[in-house]
Structures are given as C-alpha cells and as structure tokens.
Protein backbone atom coordinates (compact mmCIF):
# COMPACT_ATOMS: atom_id res chain seq x y z
CA MET A 1 218.11 -172.75 -58.77
CA LYS A 2 221.86 -173.78 -59.90
CA LEU A 3 223.99 -172.45 -61.27
CA GLY A 4 225.40 -172.85 -64.71
CA ILE A 5 228.46 -172.45 -67.16
CA ASN A 6 228.44 -170.48 -70.54
CA THR A 7 230.64 -171.70 -73.17
CA PHE A 8 231.47 -168.88 -75.09
CA LEU A 9 234.23 -167.79 -72.81
CA TYR A 10 236.10 -171.08 -74.08
CA GLU A 11 235.47 -170.65 -77.80
CA LEU A 12 236.97 -167.07 -77.17
CA ALA A 13 240.03 -168.48 -76.24
CA LYS A 14 240.19 -170.74 -79.00
CA TYR A 15 239.64 -173.96 -77.07
CA PRO A 16 238.15 -176.98 -79.02
CA PHE A 17 235.06 -178.16 -77.13
CA GLN A 18 236.95 -181.29 -76.10
CA LYS A 19 238.94 -179.37 -73.94
CA THR A 20 235.85 -176.90 -73.02
CA LEU A 21 233.65 -180.19 -71.55
CA GLU A 22 236.75 -181.38 -69.78
CA SER A 23 237.23 -178.28 -68.31
CA VAL A 24 233.63 -177.62 -67.62
CA LYS A 25 233.45 -180.96 -65.62
CA ASN A 26 236.86 -180.24 -63.86
CA LEU A 27 235.68 -177.32 -62.57
CA GLY A 28 232.31 -178.93 -61.07
CA PHE A 29 229.72 -178.13 -63.17
CA GLN A 30 226.87 -179.86 -64.85
CA TYR A 31 224.81 -177.15 -66.19
CA VAL A 32 226.05 -175.88 -69.33
CA ASP A 33 224.90 -172.62 -71.51
CA VAL A 34 226.15 -174.31 -75.34
CA VAL A 35 227.06 -170.91 -77.27
CA ALA A 36 226.06 -172.05 -81.24
CA TYR A 37 229.40 -170.13 -81.89
CA ASN A 38 232.46 -171.28 -84.09
CA SER A 39 233.12 -174.76 -82.88
CA LEU A 40 229.60 -175.53 -81.51
CA ASP A 41 227.57 -173.87 -84.78
CA PRO A 42 225.77 -176.79 -86.04
CA THR A 43 225.93 -175.30 -89.55
CA ARG A 44 229.85 -175.57 -89.16
CA MET A 45 230.14 -178.98 -87.58
CA THR A 46 230.67 -182.10 -89.57
CA ALA A 47 229.10 -185.30 -88.72
CA GLY A 48 231.88 -186.34 -86.96
CA GLU A 49 232.37 -183.64 -85.09
CA LYS A 50 228.60 -183.29 -83.97
CA LYS A 51 228.82 -187.33 -82.61
CA ASN A 52 231.98 -187.00 -80.79
CA PHE A 53 230.64 -183.55 -79.44
CA LEU A 54 227.01 -185.29 -78.33
CA ASN A 55 228.95 -188.82 -77.08
CA GLN A 56 231.29 -186.66 -74.50
CA PHE A 57 228.77 -184.09 -73.52
CA LYS A 58 226.45 -187.52 -72.62
CA ASP A 59 229.67 -189.22 -71.38
CA LEU A 60 230.66 -186.43 -69.07
CA GLY A 61 226.82 -186.08 -67.29
CA LEU A 62 226.77 -182.91 -68.85
CA VAL A 63 222.91 -181.14 -69.26
CA SER A 64 222.44 -178.62 -71.92
CA SER A 65 220.59 -175.87 -69.79
CA GLN A 66 220.42 -174.02 -73.00
CA LEU A 67 221.44 -173.09 -76.66
CA LEU A 68 222.21 -169.81 -77.09
CA MET A 69 221.47 -168.96 -80.98
CA ILE A 70 224.46 -166.16 -81.81
CA GLY A 71 223.53 -166.07 -85.57
CA THR A 72 220.37 -164.54 -85.63
CA ARG A 73 221.18 -160.77 -85.64
CA ASP A 74 219.53 -160.31 -89.23
CA ILE A 75 215.97 -161.49 -87.83
CA ALA A 76 214.30 -157.90 -88.47
CA SER A 77 216.17 -158.14 -92.02
CA PRO A 78 213.94 -157.52 -95.02
CA ASP A 79 216.11 -159.89 -97.32
CA SER A 80 214.26 -162.94 -97.87
CA VAL A 81 217.29 -165.28 -98.77
CA ILE A 82 219.18 -164.01 -95.46
CA LYS A 83 215.79 -164.95 -93.49
CA LYS A 84 215.68 -168.36 -94.56
CA LYS A 85 219.88 -169.05 -93.72
CA THR A 86 218.68 -167.52 -90.19
CA MET A 87 215.40 -169.35 -89.89
CA ASP A 88 217.86 -172.63 -90.76
CA TYR A 89 220.60 -171.79 -88.52
CA MET A 90 217.84 -171.37 -85.63
CA LYS A 91 216.32 -174.43 -86.56
CA LYS A 92 219.51 -176.68 -86.76
CA CYS A 93 220.35 -175.30 -83.08
CA ALA A 94 217.22 -176.63 -81.78
CA ASP A 95 217.94 -180.12 -83.58
CA LEU A 96 221.40 -179.92 -81.79
CA GLN A 97 219.66 -179.12 -78.52
CA LEU A 98 217.07 -182.16 -78.57
CA LEU A 99 220.19 -184.63 -79.98
CA LEU A 100 221.81 -182.71 -76.48
CA GLY A 101 218.90 -183.53 -74.04
CA GLY A 102 217.71 -180.19 -73.48
CA LYS A 103 214.95 -177.94 -75.14
CA GLN A 104 215.25 -174.40 -74.07
CA VAL A 105 217.12 -172.49 -76.96
CA LEU A 106 217.89 -168.26 -76.81
CA VAL A 107 217.07 -165.85 -79.79
CA CYS A 108 220.05 -163.42 -78.98
CA TRP A 109 220.62 -159.87 -80.74
CA GLY A 110 217.37 -158.51 -78.80
CA GLY A 111 215.64 -159.76 -81.53
CA GLY A 112 217.35 -158.77 -84.43
CA ILE A 113 218.91 -155.39 -85.38
CA TYR A 114 217.23 -152.88 -87.03
CA ASP A 115 218.12 -152.14 -90.70
CA VAL A 116 218.73 -148.73 -92.00
CA SER A 117 216.46 -149.39 -95.36
CA LEU A 118 213.30 -150.10 -92.83
CA LEU A 119 211.20 -147.87 -90.57
CA LYS A 120 211.87 -148.96 -86.97
CA ALA A 121 208.53 -150.12 -86.90
CA GLN A 122 208.47 -152.33 -90.24
CA SER A 123 211.73 -154.21 -88.51
CA TRP A 124 209.73 -154.82 -85.81
CA ILE A 125 207.18 -156.58 -87.38
CA ASN A 126 209.37 -158.18 -89.22
CA SER A 127 210.87 -159.84 -85.94
CA VAL A 128 207.72 -160.49 -84.44
CA GLU A 129 206.68 -162.49 -87.77
CA MET A 130 210.11 -164.60 -88.14
CA ILE A 131 210.45 -165.36 -83.92
CA HIS A 132 206.05 -166.50 -84.45
CA LYS A 133 207.14 -168.64 -87.63
CA TYR A 134 209.95 -170.46 -85.93
CA ALA A 135 207.90 -170.66 -82.29
CA GLU A 136 205.00 -172.25 -84.44
CA TRP A 137 207.67 -175.18 -85.59
CA ALA A 138 209.27 -175.63 -82.50
CA LYS A 139 206.35 -176.12 -80.73
CA GLY A 140 205.84 -179.40 -82.52
CA GLN A 141 209.41 -180.34 -81.53
CA GLY A 142 208.89 -179.34 -77.49
CA ILE A 143 211.33 -176.63 -77.92
CA LEU A 144 211.43 -173.47 -75.38
CA ILE A 145 212.04 -170.35 -77.10
CA SER A 146 213.74 -167.32 -74.42
CA LEU A 147 214.07 -163.96 -75.99
CA GLU A 148 217.14 -162.13 -75.09
CA MET A 149 216.46 -158.39 -74.21
CA ASP A 150 219.89 -156.67 -75.39
CA PRO A 151 220.34 -153.23 -74.04
CA HIS A 152 221.74 -150.62 -76.77
CA VAL A 153 220.18 -148.71 -79.81
CA PHE A 154 220.24 -150.59 -82.50
CA PHE A 155 218.13 -153.57 -81.21
CA VAL A 156 214.40 -154.11 -81.69
CA VAL A 157 213.99 -155.25 -78.09
CA ASN A 158 216.08 -153.22 -75.68
CA ASN A 159 213.80 -152.72 -72.75
CA MET A 160 212.06 -155.09 -70.53
CA GLU A 161 209.00 -152.58 -71.55
CA LYS A 162 209.69 -153.42 -75.02
CA MET A 163 209.89 -157.32 -74.01
CA ALA A 164 206.15 -157.41 -72.99
CA ARG A 165 205.11 -155.88 -76.08
CA PHE A 166 207.10 -158.39 -77.71
CA LEU A 167 205.96 -161.05 -75.94
CA GLU A 168 202.06 -159.82 -76.30
CA ASP A 169 202.50 -159.29 -80.45
CA ILE A 170 204.20 -162.78 -80.77
CA GLN A 171 201.20 -164.56 -78.56
CA MET A 172 202.61 -168.15 -78.22
CA PRO A 173 203.26 -170.06 -75.30
CA ASN A 174 206.60 -171.33 -75.72
CA VAL A 175 208.52 -167.88 -76.27
CA PHE A 176 209.72 -166.46 -73.13
CA PRO A 177 212.03 -163.74 -71.45
CA ASN A 178 215.46 -164.44 -70.69
CA VAL A 179 216.76 -162.70 -67.61
CA ASP A 180 220.69 -161.26 -68.18
CA ILE A 181 221.29 -159.67 -65.22
CA GLY A 182 224.30 -157.25 -67.14
CA HIS A 183 221.77 -156.14 -69.33
CA LEU A 184 219.03 -155.08 -67.11
CA CYS A 185 221.63 -152.82 -64.76
CA ILE A 186 222.61 -151.54 -67.77
CA THR A 187 218.96 -150.03 -68.70
CA ARG A 188 218.53 -149.09 -65.59
CA GLU A 189 215.45 -151.35 -64.99
CA ALA A 190 215.77 -151.93 -61.35
CA PRO A 191 214.59 -156.18 -60.62
CA HIS A 192 210.91 -154.70 -60.21
CA ILE A 193 210.56 -154.52 -63.89
CA LEU A 194 210.54 -158.32 -63.65
CA ASN A 195 206.80 -158.49 -62.21
CA LYS A 196 205.74 -157.82 -65.83
CA PHE A 197 206.76 -161.74 -66.26
CA LYS A 198 205.87 -163.21 -63.29
CA ASP A 199 205.51 -167.27 -64.19
CA ARG A 200 207.26 -166.67 -67.24
CA ILE A 201 210.66 -166.39 -66.12
CA LEU A 202 212.15 -170.11 -67.01
CA HIS A 203 216.54 -168.81 -67.08
CA VAL A 204 218.80 -166.16 -65.86
CA HIS A 205 222.33 -164.94 -66.99
CA ILE A 206 224.97 -163.86 -64.63
CA SER A 207 226.82 -161.18 -66.77
CA GLU A 208 228.92 -158.21 -65.61
CA THR A 209 228.65 -154.41 -66.36
CA SER A 210 230.45 -151.30 -66.14
CA SER A 211 227.34 -149.59 -65.68
CA PHE A 212 227.76 -148.24 -69.38
CA GLU A 213 228.81 -150.66 -71.34
CA HIS A 214 228.30 -154.85 -70.94
CA THR A 215 231.42 -155.95 -70.36
CA ASN A 216 230.97 -159.63 -69.76
CA SER A 217 233.93 -159.33 -67.89
CA ILE A 218 234.94 -161.40 -64.89
CA ILE A 219 231.99 -161.66 -62.51
CA GLY A 220 232.57 -159.22 -59.27
CA SER A 221 234.72 -156.83 -61.25
CA GLY A 222 231.71 -154.73 -62.27
CA VAL A 223 228.71 -153.07 -60.54
CA ALA A 224 226.04 -155.28 -61.43
CA ASP A 225 223.79 -156.53 -58.33
CA PHE A 226 223.30 -160.07 -58.55
CA ARG A 227 221.32 -160.30 -55.24
CA ALA A 228 218.76 -157.97 -56.16
CA TYR A 229 217.46 -159.63 -59.17
CA VAL A 230 218.13 -163.60 -58.81
CA ASP A 231 215.86 -162.75 -55.53
CA GLN A 232 213.44 -161.58 -57.63
CA THR A 233 213.43 -163.94 -60.12
CA ILE A 234 212.75 -166.71 -57.55
CA GLU A 235 209.93 -164.44 -55.82
CA LEU A 236 208.37 -164.34 -58.80
CA GLY A 237 208.37 -168.09 -59.38
CA ILE A 238 211.14 -169.29 -61.67
CA GLU A 239 211.37 -172.81 -59.89
CA GLU A 240 207.65 -173.21 -59.66
CA THR A 241 207.70 -172.24 -63.58
CA CYS A 242 210.55 -174.52 -64.41
CA GLN A 243 209.09 -177.36 -62.77
CA LYS A 244 206.05 -177.12 -64.37
CA TYR A 245 207.89 -177.31 -68.04
CA GLU A 246 209.95 -180.32 -66.34
CA GLU A 247 213.08 -177.89 -66.08
CA VAL A 248 215.82 -177.13 -63.90
CA ALA A 249 216.26 -173.75 -63.04
CA VAL A 250 219.64 -172.34 -63.71
CA ALA A 251 221.47 -168.94 -63.22
CA ALA A 252 224.25 -169.76 -66.05
CA ILE A 253 228.01 -167.54 -65.33
CA GLU A 254 228.11 -165.48 -68.89
CA MET A 255 231.22 -163.93 -69.72
CA GLY A 256 233.74 -163.35 -72.75
CA ASP A 257 233.47 -160.29 -75.79
CA PRO A 258 235.42 -160.66 -79.18
CA ASN A 259 237.31 -157.17 -78.55
CA ILE A 260 238.39 -158.50 -75.23
CA VAL A 261 241.58 -161.41 -75.08
CA VAL A 262 240.44 -164.25 -72.47
CA ASP A 263 244.20 -165.33 -71.31
CA ASP A 264 242.91 -168.27 -69.78
CA PRO A 265 238.95 -169.27 -68.99
CA GLU A 266 239.64 -171.42 -65.76
CA ARG A 267 241.08 -168.41 -64.01
CA TRP A 268 238.19 -166.32 -65.19
CA ILE A 269 235.38 -168.79 -63.63
CA GLN A 270 237.41 -169.48 -60.75
CA GLN A 271 237.80 -165.51 -59.80
CA SER A 272 233.61 -165.60 -60.98
CA LEU A 273 232.84 -168.50 -58.54
CA LEU A 274 234.72 -166.96 -55.54
CA CYS A 275 232.06 -163.71 -56.16
CA LEU A 276 229.66 -166.09 -56.41
CA ARG A 277 230.11 -167.97 -53.25
CA ARG A 278 230.03 -164.84 -51.24
CA VAL A 279 227.25 -163.23 -53.35
CA LEU A 280 224.60 -166.13 -53.97
CA PRO A 281 226.02 -169.04 -51.61
CA GLU A 282 222.96 -171.13 -52.09
CA ILE A 283 222.86 -171.40 -55.49
CA THR A 284 225.29 -174.11 -56.57
CA VAL A 285 227.20 -175.85 -59.53
C-alpha cells in the first residue's frame, strides 16, 4: 500500500494548481487524490487551464489515484434539471480522470443528501437510479466508481450497513465502497464491519475526527485509529483486489474543511507525516 495526498487542503488555502502540484512533488508524493473543486473543477476549467494542468501533472510523474467528485450532493434530487447538471459534472470528472491516466472516481456526499420534499425511501431510489445510470456509462469508459459513506443523518448512505444494501441495489460490478477512517470512527463501526466488503475495497482515506465531528484536521490531532482500519483492509485483500483491476492500493491523507482556516498546507502535511511514520511506518509515499 502507498501513501497519497488529497488536493482539497491546497484548494482551501487558495493555492493555484501549479503551486499545489509543485508542493506535492517536493513533499515526495507520487499518488494524488485530485478533488474536482474550485480550480480543479473540470466544468469550470478553461481549455488552456486543463491543458496546463495535465501537462504539469504528467511532467512531474504524478499518479491520479482517485478523482473526488465534490459536486454530487444533489444526486437524490427529484429535479430533472439538477440531475442533468450533476450527471454532466460526473461525466466530465471521469473524462478528466482518464486524461490524467487514472480510472478511479469517488461519489462524495454519501450518495447525496435527503430532499426534504421526498420520503427518505424515494431519495434512496433516486440515488440508486442515478448512480446505476452513471455506472453503466462509466463501465464503457473503464471507470471504477467508489461510493463515500458520510456519517450524518442528512446523507442517504450514512453507515456501512446502508453501504452494503446500496451496493446490492445498484448491482454494478464497477461500483465499490470507499473506506474513510474518520467517517467510520464517527459512526462507531469497528474495523470488522469491513468484512462485508471482502475483495471489494480499492481505496482508503486517512482522515481525522474529534469523535463526534469530522474535523479533517491534521492527522494525529484527533482520535482516529488508523492502524486498526488499515490492517483490516489489508487482511481483506485490498492489495489483491487492486491488482485485479490493475490499480495500486493507496491510502490518501484527506484534510481540510471550508469552515477551518488552512494557514499552511505544507505544515499540515508535514505534521501528519510525522504521525503516520510512527503509526503506519510501512506505508510510504
């Protein structure tokens, strides 16, 4: 397993992508979780910006281990216009990931947020249908989709029990459960909950929590038990599953929240690396 870094922290610090990629490289990372947000939102990038980003990314020898689709909160919406906008965004994200040389994308926001105008059961159906449709399209592109579990009441998929049922309802071979350690700590789901997903885990997020809040703070500043969850994914065959799909097993550091000031992304990362070198010394950049 390799250690990766997520670009969200840099976006919150308002780094231009050129500076972000240089920093990532200088800190020794090869594997990058690219967040489709702000300067890296493919629906907002000009053709020139996209070309420059792709060229710099490849020139630095970076690998896009996952592309996080932040603009997916409305997947469960009943509004056809909103649904089309969301689907177009997800397709453009997949296109960008393919251009980067990667094939893993992440549906964020726990399969979408509940729409207050609908019964929760209908929101569930809307989300399943939307992601199934996207997965059918993505399968033809060679795209592997991971689904994020978000640990609060307003998300459609807010625990791993629901994740298992959601994947059963979707019934698509290219949709997988993402493992976010901070989220699992909040929902009080011990590592053995992942046994439901043996041979189905492709990617891990190393995120921090205060136990009740998903802080996305500096790694080691909270209570997340990174060792236990990473060990469980290895026991459940993450390395072998990734090999099957010609991927590298990556655990990516995820930090940053729009409500928190990120004064210095490099300081946050360096402090996190000190913790991870102690807790997970075998996972290197």
